[in-house]
Protein backbone atom coordinates (compact mmCIF):
# COMPACT_ATOMS: atom_id res chain seq x y z
CA LYS A 1 88.85 66.88 37.84
CA ASN A 2 89.66 63.17 38.02
CA SER A 3 86.09 62.07 38.72
CA LEU A 4 84.09 60.15 36.05
CA GLU A 5 82.05 63.25 35.27
CA GLY A 6 85.12 65.53 35.23
CA LEU A 7 86.94 63.26 32.75
CA VAL A 8 83.95 63.01 30.42
CA LEU A 9 83.21 66.73 30.55
CA SER A 10 86.89 67.61 29.99
CA SER A 11 86.92 65.46 26.84
CA LEU A 12 83.63 66.98 25.59
CA MET A 13 84.99 70.48 26.09
CA LYS A 14 87.75 69.62 23.61
CA GLU A 15 85.51 67.67 21.14
CA PRO A 16 81.86 68.51 21.94
CA THR A 17 80.34 65.92 19.54
CA ASP A 18 82.86 63.13 19.98
CA TYR A 19 80.92 61.02 22.55
CA LYS A 20 82.95 57.86 21.93
CA ARG A 21 86.18 59.78 22.71
CA ALA A 22 84.63 61.06 25.93
CA LEU A 23 83.70 57.56 27.07
CA LYS A 24 87.18 56.31 26.07
CA SER A 25 88.70 58.80 28.45
CA LEU A 26 87.45 56.56 31.29
CA HIS A 27 89.05 53.41 32.57
CA TYR A 28 87.86 50.23 30.82
CA LYS A 29 85.89 49.06 33.88
CA GLN A 30 84.30 52.42 34.26
CA GLN A 31 83.21 52.40 30.63
CA ASN A 32 81.53 49.08 31.16
CA THR A 33 79.34 50.42 34.01
CA LEU A 34 77.78 53.43 32.24
CA LEU A 35 75.48 51.93 29.60
CA PRO A 36 74.46 49.00 31.77
CA ARG A 37 73.56 51.50 34.49
CA LEU A 38 71.44 53.40 31.99
CA SER A 39 69.72 50.13 31.17
CA GLU A 40 69.12 49.50 34.93
CA LEU A 41 67.68 53.03 35.30
CA CYS A 42 65.21 52.42 32.49
CA LEU A 43 64.14 49.14 34.13
CA GLU A 44 63.62 50.80 37.51
CA GLN A 45 61.56 53.70 36.07
CA ALA A 46 59.55 51.60 33.65
CA GLY A 47 58.73 48.89 36.18
CA ILE A 48 56.70 51.20 38.41
CA PRO A 49 54.16 52.60 35.90
CA THR A 50 53.94 49.26 34.05
CA TYR A 51 52.84 47.26 37.06
CA GLN A 52 51.38 49.79 39.54
CA ASP A 53 47.78 49.21 38.42
CA THR A 54 48.09 45.38 38.24
CA CYS A 55 50.97 44.78 40.67
CA THR A 56 49.47 41.55 42.03
CA ALA A 57 48.25 40.13 38.74
CA VAL A 58 49.89 37.42 36.66
CA LEU A 59 48.67 37.95 33.09
CA GLU A 60 49.04 36.31 29.71
CA GLY A 61 51.97 37.68 27.64
CA ARG A 62 54.27 38.51 30.52
CA LEU A 63 57.79 37.11 30.49
CA VAL A 64 59.05 34.04 32.39
CA TYR A 65 62.13 31.83 32.14
CA VAL A 66 61.85 28.77 29.98
CA ASP A 67 63.47 26.52 32.59
CA GLU A 68 65.63 26.53 35.70
CA THR A 69 68.82 27.34 33.70
CA GLN A 70 67.39 30.86 33.14
CA ALA A 71 69.11 30.95 29.77
CA LYS A 72 66.00 31.80 27.72
CA VAL A 73 62.67 33.47 28.29
CA ARG A 74 59.22 33.08 26.80
CA LYS A 75 55.76 34.67 27.09
CA LEU A 76 53.28 33.28 29.61
CA THR A 77 50.26 31.46 28.08
CA SER A 78 46.70 31.79 29.22
CA GLU A 79 46.77 28.19 30.45
CA GLU A 80 49.71 28.86 32.74
CA VAL A 81 48.35 32.00 34.43
CA SER A 82 46.51 30.23 37.25
CA SER A 83 49.58 28.14 38.21
CA SER A 84 52.13 31.00 38.04
CA HIS A 85 53.23 33.41 40.77
CA LEU A 86 54.21 37.07 40.54
CA SER A 87 57.78 36.10 41.58
CA ASP A 88 58.00 34.20 38.24
CA ILE A 89 57.40 37.34 36.20
CA LEU A 90 60.37 39.08 34.55
CA LEU A 91 61.08 42.67 33.52
CA PRO A 92 63.52 43.25 30.68
CA MET A 93 66.60 45.36 31.36
CA PRO A 94 66.74 46.97 27.93
CA GLY A 95 69.38 46.04 25.38
CA TYR A 96 69.66 44.88 21.79
CA ASP A 97 68.95 41.19 22.62
CA VAL A 98 65.88 41.10 24.89
CA GLN A 99 62.17 40.37 24.46
CA PHE A 100 59.51 42.69 25.77
CA PRO A 101 56.25 41.59 27.37
CA GLU A 102 52.87 42.24 25.79
CA ASN A 103 52.15 45.38 27.72
CA CYS A 104 53.27 49.04 27.74
CA CYS A 105 56.69 48.26 29.21
CA LYS A 106 58.57 48.85 25.95
CA ASP A 107 56.72 52.14 25.37
CA TYR A 108 57.69 53.44 28.82
CA ILE A 109 61.32 52.49 28.28
CA SER A 110 61.32 54.19 24.89
CA GLU A 111 59.92 57.35 26.44
CA ILE A 112 62.58 57.32 29.14
CA LEU A 113 65.37 56.98 26.60
CA GLU A 114 63.88 59.68 24.34
CA GLN A 115 64.30 62.18 27.24
CA ASP A 116 68.08 61.74 26.72
CA GLY A 117 67.90 61.71 22.92
CA MET A 118 68.27 57.88 22.72
CA SER A 119 66.31 54.85 21.57
CA ILE A 120 66.49 51.10 22.21
CA ASP A 121 68.46 50.68 19.00
CA ASP A 122 71.29 52.76 20.51
CA PHE A 123 72.30 49.83 22.70
CA LYS A 124 74.05 48.32 19.71
CA GLY A 125 76.24 49.95 17.09
CA PRO A 126 76.57 53.75 17.42
CA LEU A 127 79.67 53.78 19.66
CA GLY A 128 81.23 50.47 18.53
CA ARG A 129 81.06 46.91 19.75
CA GLU A 130 82.78 47.65 23.07
CA PHE A 131 79.79 49.73 24.17
CA ASN A 132 77.07 47.31 23.04
CA VAL A 133 74.62 46.31 25.78
CA SER A 134 72.73 43.05 25.21
CA GLY A 135 70.38 43.47 28.16
CA CYS A 136 69.04 40.88 30.58
CA TYR A 137 66.07 40.13 32.76
CA ARG A 138 65.18 40.74 36.43
CA ASN A 139 62.37 39.22 38.43
CA ILE A 140 59.72 41.80 39.32
CA ILE A 141 59.85 40.58 42.92
CA TYR A 142 62.03 38.11 44.83
CA LYS A 143 60.82 35.82 47.62
CA PRO A 144 63.29 35.42 50.52
CA SER A 145 64.33 31.89 51.37
CA GLU A 146 65.14 30.34 54.73
CA PHE A 147 62.85 32.92 56.32
CA ASP A 148 62.37 32.69 60.07
CA ALA A 149 61.24 35.08 62.81
CA ASP A 150 61.35 35.22 66.57
CA ILE A 151 59.80 37.63 69.14
CA ILE A 152 62.28 38.63 71.83
CA LYS A 153 61.40 40.43 75.11
CA TYR A 154 63.83 42.89 76.64
CA SER A 155 63.98 45.81 79.02
CA ASP A 156 67.08 47.92 78.24
CA GLU A 157 67.49 49.53 74.81
CA ASN A 158 71.19 48.84 75.02
CA GLU A 159 70.71 45.20 75.83
CA LYS A 160 72.35 42.65 73.52
CA LEU A 161 69.66 40.61 71.73
CA VAL A 162 71.50 38.53 69.13
CA SER A 163 74.89 36.88 68.76
CA THR A 164 77.44 38.71 66.70
CA ASN A 165 80.16 37.70 64.20
CA LEU A 166 82.69 38.26 66.97
CA ASP A 167 80.86 35.69 69.10
CA SER A 168 81.16 33.19 66.23
CA VAL A 169 84.89 33.91 65.73
CA LEU A 170 85.61 33.54 69.47
CA GLY A 171 83.41 30.47 69.80
CA ARG A 172 81.18 32.12 72.36
CA SER A 173 77.61 31.01 72.79
CA PHE A 174 74.85 33.56 73.40
CA GLU A 175 71.18 33.48 74.19
CA ALA A 176 68.96 36.43 74.88
CA LYS A 177 67.33 36.68 78.28
CA ASN A 178 63.91 37.07 76.53
CA GLU A 179 62.29 38.99 79.38
CA GLY A 180 61.17 42.55 79.94
CA SER A 181 58.45 44.99 78.88
CA ARG A 182 59.81 45.78 75.38
CA THR A 183 59.38 43.64 72.30
CA ALA A 184 61.84 43.10 69.42
CA LEU A 185 61.48 41.17 66.19
CA LYS A 186 64.41 38.99 65.10
CA LEU A 187 64.49 37.99 61.46
CA ARG A 188 66.60 35.45 59.50
CA PHE A 189 66.41 35.14 55.75
CA THR A 190 68.40 34.75 52.59
CA LEU A 191 68.18 36.95 49.49
CA PRO A 192 69.77 36.53 46.06
CA LYS A 193 72.38 39.02 44.80
CA SER A 194 71.24 42.52 43.89
CA CYS A 195 68.48 42.40 46.54
CA TYR A 196 68.42 44.58 49.58
CA ALA A 197 67.47 43.53 53.12
CA THR A 198 66.37 47.11 53.82
CA MET A 199 63.64 46.85 51.15
CA LEU A 200 62.37 43.65 52.74
CA LEU A 201 62.26 45.34 56.13
CA ARG A 202 60.38 48.26 54.56
CA GLU A 203 57.68 45.91 53.20
CA ILE A 204 57.37 44.17 56.53
CA SER A 205 57.12 47.38 58.51
CA ARG A 206 54.92 49.07 55.88
CA THR A 207 57.03 52.22 55.87
CA ASP A 208 58.52 54.17 52.91
CA GLY A 209 62.09 53.79 54.18
CA VAL A 210 62.74 57.51 54.27
CA LEU A 211 64.18 59.05 57.43
CA ARG A 212 62.08 61.98 58.49
CA LEU A 213 63.37 64.68 60.90
CA SER A 214 61.02 66.96 62.76
C-alpha cells in the first residue's frame, strides 16, 4: 500500500488519466528518481544493439568529451579516430539537452520509449518543469585504474589470504603463507562511481555472472 507502486496505482485508480497527480503522490526524492531511471534504462537497452556489431571500433561521428572538464561533448572527427580509444566514447542518457551520435542509437532509444507510449520530447514539458530530465552522458566502457594482481598459493579453502578492514583498524599486519597446491588470484583496482567490481570480475573470468544451480 505504501510502496512506490502502491501510491502511484492508488492515485491512478482515483484519477486514471492524471499522471502528474500520481507522480506527485510520491515523496519529492522518489519523484526525482523515476524519469532519470527511465533514461538510464533506455541507455542500457540501446547500448547493446548499437555497439554489438562494432563493439571494439572507434568510428567517426561518435561522441567524446571536448576536454577534461567533461562539461561539453562533440563528435569524433575522422582524423581523431586512430588516436582515440573505446573508453573515450560516450553514450547519451536521453533527455531534452543531449546530442546523439551519428549511428542508430537515437532510433533504438525512440523505439524503446514508443513501447511505453513516449518519445524523447517527453523528457521536457508534459508534466511540468519539476519532471524535466536534461540527460547526460556515460562512457561506453571504463578502464580501471591502479590495477594490480598477485597469484597466491594456499592449501585450505578456509585459509585467510588477504588482510581485512579489521586488521587495518586494529593495526595488525598480515601476510599470506603463499604455499600449497591451490591457486588464488588477488586483485587490486579502482573504479569510478556507478561502476561495479562484479562486472570487471565477470570480464576477467569470461563468465556471464549468472549463478547456475544443477
